PDB file of N, CA and C in Angstrom:
ATOM      1  N   MET A   1       0.816  -1.181   0.000  1.00  0.00           N
ATOM      2  CA  MET A   1       0.000   0.000   0.000  1.00  0.00           C
ATOM      3  C   MET A   1       0.870   1.258   0.000  1.00  0.00           C
ATOM      4  N   ALA A   2       1.921   1.235   0.785  1.00  0.00           N
ATOM      5  CA  ALA A   2       2.807   2.396   0.860  1.00  0.00           C
ATOM      6  C   ALA A   2       3.503   2.628  -0.479  1.00  0.00           C
ATOM      7  N   THR A   3       3.797   1.584  -1.184  1.00  0.00           N
ATOM      8  CA  THR A   3       4.477   1.747  -2.470  1.00  0.00           C
ATOM      9  C   THR A   3       3.547   2.347  -3.517  1.00  0.00           C
ATOM     10  N   LYS A   4       2.268   2.014  -3.451  1.00  0.00           N
ATOM     11  CA  LYS A   4       1.318   2.594  -4.396  1.00  0.00           C
ATOM     12  C   LYS A   4       1.215   4.098  -4.198  1.00  0.00           C
ATOM     13  N   LYS A   5       1.158   4.535  -2.922  1.00  0.00           N
ATOM     14  CA  LYS A   5       1.066   5.968  -2.629  1.00  0.00           C
ATOM     15  C   LYS A   5       2.326   6.695  -3.104  1.00  0.00           C
ATOM     16  N   ALA A   6       3.456   6.084  -2.875  1.00  0.00           N
ATOM     17  CA  ALA A   6       4.724   6.697  -3.283  1.00  0.00           C
ATOM     18  C   ALA A   6       4.793   6.814  -4.802  1.00  0.00           C
ATOM     19  N   SER A   7       4.352   5.784  -5.481  1.00  0.00           N
ATOM     20  CA  SER A   7       4.397   5.828  -6.945  1.00  0.00           C
ATOM     21  C   SER A   7       3.399   6.851  -7.488  1.00  0.00           C
ATOM     22  N   LYS A   8       2.238   7.011  -6.833  1.00  0.00           N
ATOM     23  CA  LYS A   8       1.263   8.005  -7.265  1.00  0.00           C
ATOM     24  C   LYS A   8       1.826   9.417  -7.101  1.00  0.00           C
ATOM     25  N   LYS A   9       2.507   9.647  -5.951  1.00  0.00           N
ATOM     26  CA  LYS A   9       3.102  10.961  -5.693  1.00  0.00           C
ATOM     27  C   LYS A   9       4.181  11.273  -6.741  1.00  0.00           C
ATOM     28  N   ALA A  10       4.970  10.268  -7.059  1.00  0.00           N
ATOM     29  CA  ALA A  10       6.044  10.460  -8.032  1.00  0.00           C
ATOM     30  C   ALA A  10       5.468  10.793  -9.414  1.00  0.00           C
ATOM     31  N   THR A  11       4.397  10.114  -9.774  1.00  0.00           N
ATOM     32  CA  THR A  11       3.791  10.388 -11.083  1.00  0.00           C
ATOM     33  C   THR A  11       3.142  11.769 -11.098  1.00  0.00           C
ATOM     34  N   LYS A  12       2.545  12.182  -9.973  1.00  0.00           N
ATOM     35  CA  LYS A  12       1.938  13.509  -9.908  1.00  0.00           C
ATOM     36  C   LYS A  12       3.004  14.600 -10.049  1.00  0.00           C
ATOM     37  N   LYS A  13       4.159  14.401  -9.372  1.00  0.00           N
ATOM     38  CA  LYS A  13       5.251  15.369  -9.457  1.00  0.00           C
ATOM     39  C   LYS A  13       5.774  15.468 -10.895  1.00  0.00           C
ATOM     40  N   ALA A  14       5.918  14.325 -11.531  1.00  0.00           N
ATOM     41  CA  ALA A  14       6.408  14.308 -12.906  1.00  0.00           C
ATOM     42  C   ALA A  14       5.419  15.006 -13.843  1.00  0.00           C
ATOM     43  N   ALA A  15       4.134  14.784 -13.590  1.00  0.00           N
ATOM     44  CA  ALA A  15       3.098  15.411 -14.415  1.00  0.00           C
ATOM     45  C   ALA A  15       3.117  16.926 -14.234  1.00  0.00           C
ATOM     46  N   LYS A  16       3.303  17.397 -13.000  1.00  0.00           N
ATOM     47  CA  LYS A  16       3.356  18.831 -12.723  1.00  0.00           C
ATOM     48  C   LYS A  16       4.550  19.481 -13.424  1.00  0.00           C
ATOM     49  N   LYS A  17       5.703  18.800 -13.356  1.00  0.00           N
ATOM     50  CA  LYS A  17       6.899  19.333 -14.002  1.00  0.00           C
ATOM     51  C   LYS A  17       6.697  19.453 -15.507  1.00  0.00           C
ATOM     52  N   SER A  18       6.117  18.416 -16.089  1.00  0.00           N
ATOM     53  CA  SER A  18       5.926  18.440 -17.544  1.00  0.00           C
ATOM     54  C   SER A  18       4.922  19.510 -17.948  1.00  0.00           C
ATOM     55  N   THR A  19       3.893  19.723 -17.147  1.00  0.00           N
ATOM     56  CA  THR A  19       2.920  20.758 -17.486  1.00  0.00           C
ATOM     57  C   THR A  19       3.531  22.149 -17.324  1.00  0.00           C
ATOM     58  N   LYS A  20       4.402  22.322 -16.323  1.00  0.00           N
ATOM     59  CA  LYS A  20       5.061  23.611 -16.138  1.00  0.00           C
ATOM     60  C   LYS A  20       5.960  23.924 -17.333  1.00  0.00           C
ATOM     61  N   LYS A  21       6.698  22.913 -17.782  1.00  0.00           N
ATOM     62  CA  LYS A  21       7.570  23.104 -18.934  1.00  0.00           C
ATOM     63  C   LYS A  21       6.755  23.446 -20.179  1.00  0.00           C
ATOM     64  N   ALA A  22       5.663  22.727 -20.362  1.00  0.00           N
ATOM     65  CA  ALA A  22       4.806  22.967 -21.518  1.00  0.00           C
ATOM     66  C   ALA A  22       4.203  24.366 -21.451  1.00  0.00           C
ATOM     67  N   ALA A  23       3.820  24.781 -20.258  1.00  0.00           N
ATOM     68  CA  ALA A  23       3.242  26.116 -20.089  1.00  0.00           C
ATOM     69  C   ALA A  23       4.274  27.191 -20.407  1.00  0.00           C
ATOM     70  N   LYS A  24       5.519  26.993 -19.965  1.00  0.00           N
ATOM     71  CA  LYS A  24       6.575  27.957 -20.248  1.00  0.00           C
ATOM     72  C   LYS A  24       6.802  28.068 -21.752  1.00  0.00           C
ATOM     73  N   LYS A  25       6.865  26.932 -22.426  1.00  0.00           N
ATOM     74  CA  LYS A  25       7.093  26.933 -23.864  1.00  0.00           C
ATOM     75  C   LYS A  25       5.961  27.643 -24.589  1.00  0.00           C
ATOM     76  N   SER A  26       4.729  27.353 -24.201  1.00  0.00           N
ATOM     77  CA  SER A  26       3.598  27.960 -24.902  1.00  0.00           C
ATOM     78  C   SER A  26       3.532  29.455 -24.652  1.00  0.00           C
ATOM     79  N   THR A  27       3.877  29.910 -23.442  1.00  0.00           N
ATOM     80  CA  THR A  27       3.836  31.356 -23.183  1.00  0.00           C
ATOM     81  C   THR A  27       4.926  32.077 -23.950  1.00  0.00           C
ATOM     82  N   THR A  28       6.101  31.465 -24.056  1.00  0.00           N
ATOM     83  CA  THR A  28       7.159  32.132 -24.817  1.00  0.00           C
ATOM     84  C   THR A  28       6.802  32.182 -26.291  1.00  0.00           C
ATOM     85  N   ARG A  29       6.181  31.157 -26.796  1.00  0.00           N
ATOM     86  CA  ARG A  29       5.763  31.167 -28.194  1.00  0.00           C
ATOM     87  C   ARG A  29       4.689  32.225 -28.413  1.00  0.00           C
ATOM     88  N   LYS A  30       3.735  32.297 -27.471  1.00  0.00           N
ATOM     89  CA  LYS A  30       2.657  33.271 -27.601  1.00  0.00           C
ATOM     90  C   LYS A  30       3.203  34.687 -27.545  1.00  0.00           C
ATOM     91  N   SER A  31       4.098  34.939 -26.594  1.00  0.00           N
ATOM     92  CA  SER A  31       4.633  36.296 -26.464  1.00  0.00           C
ATOM     93  C   SER A  31       5.471  36.674 -27.680  1.00  0.00           C
ATOM     94  N   ALA A  32       6.207  35.716 -28.215  1.00  0.00           N
ATOM     95  CA  ALA A  32       6.999  35.988 -29.416  1.00  0.00           C
ATOM     96  C   ALA A  32       6.077  36.283 -30.596  1.00  0.00           C
ATOM     97  N   ALA A  33       4.978  35.541 -30.674  1.00  0.00           N
ATOM     98  CA  ALA A  33       4.027  35.762 -31.756  1.00  0.00           C
ATOM     99  C   ALA A  33       3.360  37.124 -31.618  1.00  0.00           C
ATOM    100  N   LYS A  34       3.039  37.507 -30.377  1.00  0.00           N
ATOM    101  CA  LYS A  34       2.422  38.815 -30.151  1.00  0.00           C
ATOM    102  C   LYS A  34       3.374  39.936 -30.542  1.00  0.00           C
ATOM    103  N   LYS A  35       4.651  39.790 -30.173  1.00  0.00           N
ATOM    104  CA  LYS A  35       5.640  40.809 -30.506  1.00  0.00           C
ATOM    105  C   LYS A  35       5.767  40.951 -32.015  1.00  0.00           C
ATOM    106  N   ALA A  36       5.784  39.819 -32.703  1.00  0.00           N
ATOM    107  CA  ALA A  36       5.920  39.848 -34.153  1.00  0.00           C
ATOM    108  C   ALA A  36       4.720  40.534 -34.799  1.00  0.00           C
ATOM    109  N   THR A  37       3.515  40.254 -34.292  1.00  0.00           N
ATOM    110  CA  THR A  37       2.332  40.878 -34.877  1.00  0.00           C
ATOM    111  C   THR A  37       2.297  42.372 -34.570  1.00  0.00           C
ATOM    112  N   LYS A  38       2.746  42.760 -33.376  1.00  0.00           N
ATOM    113  CA  LYS A  38       2.775  44.179 -33.038  1.00  0.00           C
ATOM    114  C   LYS A  38       3.738  44.924 -33.957  1.00  0.00           C
ATOM    115  N   LYS A  39       4.921  44.329 -34.203  1.00  0.00           N
ATOM    116  CA  LYS A  39       5.897  44.956 -35.082  1.00  0.00           C
ATOM    117  C   LYS A  39       5.344  45.081 -36.490  1.00  0.00           C
ATOM    118  N   ALA A  40       4.679  44.027 -36.953  1.00  0.00           N
ATOM    119  CA  ALA A  40       4.115  44.053 -38.296  1.00  0.00           C
ATOM    120  C   ALA A  40       3.028  45.114 -38.392  1.00  0.00           C
ATOM    121  N   ALA A  41       2.231  45.251 -37.339  1.00  0.00           N
ATOM    122  CA  ALA A  41       1.177  46.254 -37.351  1.00  0.00           C
ATOM    123  C   ALA A  41       1.768  47.658 -37.369  1.00  0.00           C
ATOM    124  N   LYS A  42       2.835  47.878 -36.625  1.00  0.00           N
ATOM    125  CA  LYS A  42       3.462  49.188 -36.610  1.00  0.00           C
ATOM    126  C   LYS A  42       4.041  49.519 -37.975  1.00  0.00           C
ATOM    127  N   LYS A  43       4.672  48.545 -38.610  1.00  0.00           N
ATOM    128  CA  LYS A  43       5.286  48.783 -39.908  1.00  0.00           C
ATOM    129  C   LYS A  43       4.237  49.117 -40.961  1.00  0.00           C
ATOM    130  N   SER A  44       3.127  48.398 -40.943  1.00  0.00           N
ATOM    131  CA  SER A  44       2.138  48.614 -41.980  1.00  0.00           C
ATOM    132  C   SER A  44       1.427  49.949 -41.805  1.00  0.00           C
ATOM    133  N   SER A  45       1.262  50.410 -40.563  1.00  0.00           N
ATOM    134  CA  SER A  45       0.519  51.639 -40.337  1.00  0.00           C
ATOM    135  C   SER A  45       1.391  52.873 -40.493  1.00  0.00           C
ATOM    136  N   LYS A  46       2.685  52.702 -40.400  1.00  0.00           N
ATOM    137  CA  LYS A  46       3.571  53.855 -40.440  1.00  0.00           C
ATOM    138  C   LYS A  46       4.219  53.962 -41.811  1.00  0.00           C
ATOM    139  N   ARG A  47       4.085  55.137 -42.425  1.00  0.00           N
ATOM    140  CA  ARG A  47       4.654  55.377 -43.741  1.00  0.00           C
ATOM    141  C   ARG A  47       5.970  56.104 -43.598  1.00  0.00           C
ATOM    142  N   LYS A  48       6.996  55.642 -44.285  1.00  0.00           N
ATOM    143  CA  LYS A  48       8.290  56.306 -44.204  1.00  0.00           C
ATOM    144  C   LYS A  48       8.345  57.518 -45.132  1.00  0.00           C
ATOM    145  N   TYR A  49       7.791  57.367 -46.314  1.00  0.00           N
ATOM    146  CA  TYR A  49       7.821  58.442 -47.301  1.00  0.00           C
ATOM    147  C   TYR A  49       6.389  58.909 -47.566  1.00  0.00           C
ATOM    148  N   SER A  50       6.199  60.197 -47.669  1.00  0.00           N
ATOM    149  CA  SER A  50       4.864  60.720 -47.965  1.00  0.00           C
ATOM    150  C   SER A  50       4.542  60.468 -49.442  1.00  0.00           C
ATOM    151  N   PRO A  51       3.259  60.378 -49.770  1.00  0.00           N
ATOM    152  CA  PRO A  51       2.901  60.175 -51.180  1.00  0.00           C
ATOM    153  C   PRO A  51       3.419  61.303 -52.078  1.00  0.00           C
ATOM    154  N   SER A  52       3.444  62.520 -51.554  1.00  0.00           N
ATOM    155  CA  SER A  52       3.932  63.644 -52.357  1.00  0.00           C
ATOM    156  C   SER A  52       5.430  63.525 -52.633  1.00  0.00           C
ATOM    157  N   ALA A  53       6.165  62.907 -51.699  1.00  0.00           N
ATOM    158  CA  ALA A  53       7.596  62.674 -51.933  1.00  0.00           C
ATOM    159  C   ALA A  53       7.775  61.676 -53.071  1.00  0.00           C
ATOM    160  N   GLY A  54       6.922  60.675 -53.111  1.00  0.00           N
ATOM    161  CA  GLY A  54       6.959  59.697 -54.200  1.00  0.00           C
ATOM    162  C   GLY A  54       6.670  60.335 -55.545  1.00  0.00           C
ATOM    163  N   LYS A  55       5.767  61.300 -55.528  1.00  0.00           N
ATOM    164  CA  LYS A  55       5.442  61.987 -56.785  1.00  0.00           C
ATOM    165  C   LYS A  55       6.629  62.819 -57.278  1.00  0.00           C
ATOM    166  N   SER A  56       7.352  63.443 -56.351  1.00  0.00           N
ATOM    167  CA  SER A  56       8.508  64.243 -56.776  1.00  0.00           C
ATOM    168  C   SER A  56       9.590  63.341 -57.358  1.00  0.00           C
ATOM    169  N   VAL A  57       9.755  62.154 -56.798  1.00  0.00           N
ATOM    170  CA  VAL A  57      10.722  61.196 -57.350  1.00  0.00           C
ATOM    171  C   VAL A  57      10.256  60.749 -58.730  1.00  0.00           C
ATOM    172  N   GLU A  58       8.964  60.544 -58.857  1.00  0.00           N
ATOM    173  CA  GLU A  58       8.403  60.113 -60.141  1.00  0.00           C
ATOM    174  C   GLU A  58       8.652  61.152 -61.235  1.00  0.00           C
ATOM    175  N   THR A  59       8.486  62.426 -60.911  1.00  0.00           N
ATOM    176  CA  THR A  59       8.716  63.477 -61.914  1.00  0.00           C
ATOM    177  C   THR A  59      10.188  63.530 -62.325  1.00  0.00           C
ATOM    178  N   GLU A  60      11.077  63.329 -61.361  1.00  0.00           N
ATOM    179  CA  GLU A  60      12.512  63.333 -61.675  1.00  0.00           C
ATOM    180  C   GLU A  60      12.883  62.146 -62.557  1.00  0.00           C
ATOM    181  N   MET A  61      12.263  61.005 -62.304  1.00  0.00           N
ATOM    182  CA  MET A  61      12.519  59.817 -63.122  1.00  0.00           C
ATOM    183  C   MET A  61      12.058  60.064 -64.562  1.00  0.00           C
ATOM    184  N   ARG A  62      10.915  60.697 -64.702  1.00  0.00           N
ATOM    185  CA  ARG A  62      10.412  60.997 -66.057  1.00  0.00           C
ATOM    186  C   ARG A  62      11.348  61.957 -66.789  1.00  0.00           C
ATOM    187  N   ALA A  63      11.850  62.944 -66.035  1.00  0.00           N
ATOM    188  CA  ALA A  63      12.775  63.905 -66.634  1.00  0.00           C
ATOM    189  C   ALA A  63      14.065  63.201 -67.063  1.00  0.00           C
ATOM    190  N   MET A  64      14.520  62.255 -66.257  1.00  0.00           N
ATOM    191  CA  MET A  64      15.741  61.514 -66.588  1.00  0.00           C
ATOM    192  C   MET A  64      15.529  60.671 -67.844  1.00  0.00           C
ATOM    193  N   LYS A  65      14.378  60.014 -67.928  1.00  0.00           N
ATOM    194  CA  LYS A  65      14.094  59.182 -69.090  1.00  0.00           C
ATOM    195  C   LYS A  65      13.957  60.025 -70.363  1.00  0.00           C
ATOM    196  N   ALA A  66      13.474  61.227 -70.198  1.00  0.00           N
ATOM    197  CA  ALA A  66      13.346  62.133 -71.342  1.00  0.00           C
ATOM    198  C   ALA A  66      14.682  62.771 -71.711  1.00  0.00           C
ATOM    199  N   GLY A  67      15.679  62.638 -70.827  1.00  0.00           N
ATOM    200  CA  GLY A  67      16.995  63.199 -71.090  1.00  0.00           C
ATOM    201  C   GLY A  67      17.113  64.662 -70.700  1.00  0.00           C
ATOM    202  N   LYS A  68      16.215  65.126 -69.841  1.00  0.00           N
ATOM    203  CA  LYS A  68      16.215  66.541 -69.455  1.00  0.00           C
ATOM    204  C   LYS A  68      16.723  66.776 -68.039  1.00  0.00           C
ATOM    205  N   LEU A  69      17.035  65.719 -67.308  1.00  0.00           N
ATOM    206  CA  LEU A  69      17.472  65.872 -65.911  1.00  0.00           C
ATOM    207  C   LEU A  69      18.968  66.148 -65.875  1.00  0.00           C
ATOM    208  N   LYS A  70      19.330  67.225 -65.221  1.00  0.00           N
ATOM    209  CA  LYS A  70      20.734  67.612 -65.101  1.00  0.00           C
ATOM    210  C   LYS A  70      21.146  67.540 -63.638  1.00  0.00           C
ATOM    211  N   SER A  71      22.425  67.243 -63.416  1.00  0.00           N
ATOM    212  CA  SER A  71      22.926  67.178 -62.046  1.00  0.00           C
ATOM    213  C   SER A  71      23.321  68.566 -61.577  1.00  0.00           C
ATOM    214  N   GLY A  72      23.633  68.677 -60.306  1.00  0.00           N
ATOM    215  CA  GLY A  72      23.923  69.931 -59.610  1.00  0.00           C
ATOM    216  C   GLY A  72      24.734  70.984 -60.328  1.00  0.00           C
ATOM    217  N   ARG A  73      25.939  71.235 -59.889  1.00  0.00           N
ATOM    218  CA  ARG A  73      26.751  72.349 -60.410  1.00  0.00           C
ATOM    219  C   ARG A  73      27.229  72.118 -61.830  1.00  0.00           C
ATOM    220  N   SER A  74      27.643  70.898 -62.095  1.00  0.00           N
ATOM    221  CA  SER A  74      28.234  70.632 -63.411  1.00  0.00           C
ATOM    222  C   SER A  74      27.210  70.712 -64.530  1.00  0.00           C
ATOM    223  N   GLY A  75      25.966  70.390 -64.213  1.00  0.00           N
ATOM    224  CA  GLY A  75      24.914  70.452 -65.227  1.00  0.00           C
ATOM    225  C   GLY A  75      24.969  69.311 -66.215  1.00  0.00           C
ATOM    226  N   LYS A  76      25.702  68.237 -65.851  1.00  0.00           N
ATOM    227  CA  LYS A  76      25.786  67.077 -66.747  1.00  0.00           C
ATOM    228  C   LYS A  76      24.463  66.308 -66.728  1.00  0.00           C
ATOM    229  N   LYS A  77      24.233  65.598 -67.822  1.00  0.00           N
ATOM    230  CA  LYS A  77      23.013  64.816 -67.945  1.00  0.00           C
ATOM    231  C   LYS A  77      23.058  63.615 -66.991  1.00  0.00           C
ATOM    232  N   VAL A  78      21.944  63.372 -66.283  1.00  0.00           N
ATOM    233  CA  VAL A  78      21.854  62.247 -65.357  1.00  0.00           C
ATOM    234  C   VAL A  78      21.380  61.025 -66.129  1.00  0.00           C
ATOM    235  N   THR A  79      22.157  59.933 -66.018  1.00  0.00           N
ATOM    236  CA  THR A  79      21.771  58.694 -66.702  1.00  0.00           C
ATOM    237  C   THR A  79      21.498  57.568 -65.722  1.00  0.00           C
ATOM    238  N   SER A  80      21.889  57.759 -64.477  1.00  0.00           N
ATOM    239  CA  SER A  80      21.721  56.707 -63.466  1.00  0.00           C
ATOM    240  C   SER A  80      20.351  56.811 -62.785  1.00  0.00           C
ATOM    241  N   ARG A  81      19.681  55.677 -62.665  1.00  0.00           N
ATOM    242  CA  ARG A  81      18.383  55.620 -62.000  1.00  0.00           C
ATOM    243  C   ARG A  81      18.504  56.039 -60.539  1.00  0.00           C
ATOM    244  N   LYS A  82      19.563  55.550 -59.877  1.00  0.00           N
ATOM    245  CA  LYS A  82      19.779  55.856 -58.463  1.00  0.00           C
ATOM    246  C   LYS A  82      19.978  57.352 -58.254  1.00  0.00           C
ATOM    247  N   GLN A  83      20.705  57.962 -59.152  1.00  0.00           N
ATOM    248  CA  GLN A  83      20.959  59.391 -59.026  1.00  0.00           C
ATOM    249  C   GLN A  83      19.673  60.187 -59.211  1.00  0.00           C
ATOM    250  N   ALA A  84      18.811  59.729 -60.105  1.00  0.00           N
ATOM    251  CA  ALA A  84      17.529  60.410 -60.325  1.00  0.00           C
ATOM    252  C   ALA A  84      16.663  60.323 -59.075  1.00  0.00           C
ATOM    253  N   VAL A  85      16.652  59.165 -58.436  1.00  0.00           N
ATOM    254  CA  VAL A  85      15.885  58.991 -57.199  1.00  0.00           C
ATOM    255  C   VAL A  85      16.442  59.896 -56.111  1.00  0.00           C
ATOM    256  N   ALA A  86      17.774  59.966 -56.012  1.00  0.00           N
ATOM    257  CA  ALA A  86      18.415  60.808 -55.000  1.00  0.00           C
ATOM    258  C   ALA A  86      18.065  62.276 -55.205  1.00  0.00           C
ATOM    259  N   ILE A  87      18.025  62.712 -56.450  1.00  0.00           N
ATOM    260  CA  ILE A  87      17.668  64.100 -56.743  1.00  0.00           C
ATOM    261  C   ILE A  87      16.216  64.368 -56.353  1.00  0.00           C
ATOM    262  N   GLY A  88      15.341  63.430 -56.676  1.00  0.00           N
ATOM    263  CA  GLY A  88      13.918  63.573 -56.320  1.00  0.00           C
ATOM    264  C   GLY A  88      13.717  63.652 -54.823  1.00  0.00           C
ATOM    265  N   LEU A  89      14.410  62.793 -54.070  1.00  0.00           N
ATOM    266  CA  LEU A  89      14.281  62.810 -52.607  1.00  0.00           C
ATOM    267  C   LEU A  89      14.852  64.095 -52.023  1.00  0.00           C
ATOM    268  N   SER A  90      15.947  64.561 -52.602  1.00  0.00           N
ATOM    269  CA  SER A  90      16.555  65.799 -52.135  1.00  0.00           C
ATOM    270  C   SER A  90      15.600  66.977 -52.317  1.00  0.00           C
ATOM    271  N   LYS A  91      14.956  67.033 -53.460  1.00  0.00           N
ATOM    272  CA  LYS A  91      13.985  68.107 -53.714  1.00  0.00           C
ATOM    273  C   LYS A  91      12.789  67.993 -52.773  1.00  0.00           C
ATOM    274  N   ALA A  92      12.382  66.756 -52.477  1.00  0.00           N
ATOM    275  CA  ALA A  92      11.260  66.549 -51.553  1.00  0.00           C
ATOM    276  C   ALA A  92      11.633  67.019 -50.145  1.00  0.00           C
ATOM    277  N   ARG A  93      12.867  66.755 -49.727  1.00  0.00           N
ATOM    278  CA  ARG A  93      13.330  67.207 -48.407  1.00  0.00           C
ATOM    279  C   ARG A  93      13.320  68.734 -48.330  1.00  0.00           C
ATOM    280  N   LYS A  94      13.824  69.364 -49.385  1.00  0.00           N
ATOM    281  CA  LYS A  94      13.873  70.830 -49.409  1.00  0.00           C
ATOM    282  C   LYS A  94      12.473  71.436 -49.369  1.00  0.00           C
ATOM    283  N   ALA A  95      11.512  70.733 -49.977  1.00  0.00           N
ATOM    284  CA  ALA A  95      10.127  71.213 -49.987  1.00  0.00           C
ATOM    285  C   ALA A  95       9.427  70.941 -48.652  1.00  0.00           C
ATOM    286  N   GLY A  96      10.079  70.192 -47.760  1.00  0.00           N
ATOM    287  CA  GLY A  96       9.506  69.927 -46.436  1.00  0.00           C
ATOM    288  C   GLY A  96       8.577  68.736 -46.381  1.00  0.00           C
ATOM    289  N   LYS A  97       8.683  67.851 -47.352  1.00  0.00           N
ATOM    290  CA  LYS A  97       7.835  66.644 -47.366  1.00  0.00           C
ATOM    291  C   LYS A  97       8.427  65.603 -46.436  1.00  0.00           C
ATOM    292  N   LYS A  98       7.602  64.615 -46.090  1.00  0.00           N
ATOM    293  CA  LYS A  98       8.040  63.585 -45.145  1.00  0.00           C
ATOM    294  C   LYS A  98       8.955  62.581 -45.842  1.00  0.00           C
ATOM    295  N   VAL A  99      10.247  62.689 -45.549  1.00  0.00           N
ATOM    296  CA  VAL A  99      11.265  61.813 -46.120  1.00  0.00           C
ATOM    297  C   VAL A  99      12.260  61.516 -45.008  1.00  0.00           C
ATOM    298  N   PRO A 100      12.694  60.249 -44.831  1.00  0.00           N
ATOM    299  CA  PRO A 100      13.694  59.944 -43.791  1.00  0.00           C
ATOM    300  C   PRO A 100      15.006  60.686 -44.030  1.00  0.00           C
ATOM    301  N   LYS A 101      15.779  60.800 -42.955  1.00  0.00           N
ATOM    302  CA  LYS A 101      17.084  61.477 -43.045  1.00  0.00           C
ATOM    303  C   LYS A 101      18.002  60.731 -43.985  1.00  0.00           C
ATOM    304  N   LYS A 102      18.966  61.479 -44.525  1.00  0.00           N
ATOM    305  CA  LYS A 102      19.960  60.876 -45.416  1.00  0.00           C
ATOM    306  C   LYS A 102      20.827  59.902 -44.662  1.00  0.00           C
ATOM    307  N   ARG A 103      21.167  58.796 -45.299  1.00  0.00           N
ATOM    308  CA  ARG A 103      22.139  57.861 -44.709  1.00  0.00           C
ATOM    309  C   ARG A 103      23.521  58.370 -45.027  1.00  0.00           C
ATOM    310  N   SER A 104      24.404  58.324 -44.039  1.00  0.00           N
ATOM    311  CA  SER A 104      25.749  58.832 -44.298  1.00  0.00           C
ATOM    312  C   SER A 104      26.700  57.729 -44.688  1.00  0.00           C
TER     313      SER A 104
END
């Protein structure tokens, strides 16, 4: 009789330990999932560039494709897509539109 009680206690302790471990794993998974969804929600709701900034880049791209876009002091013709985008963003910044800071 004493051995049955001892074995029951041992099985109960083992069951408690396993449920605690399972609970820890599930909470960490849940919290990680919540964090990921919160980050995704923040990213989708927050715009880095204003629509008007995109339009200014679009106009510069059209000017470049037409061959009318010139660079700063030298006045040389711009042929690089990246340079056209940079010029558009620069003009958008000067106009006070929502554009992130320049990367150095």
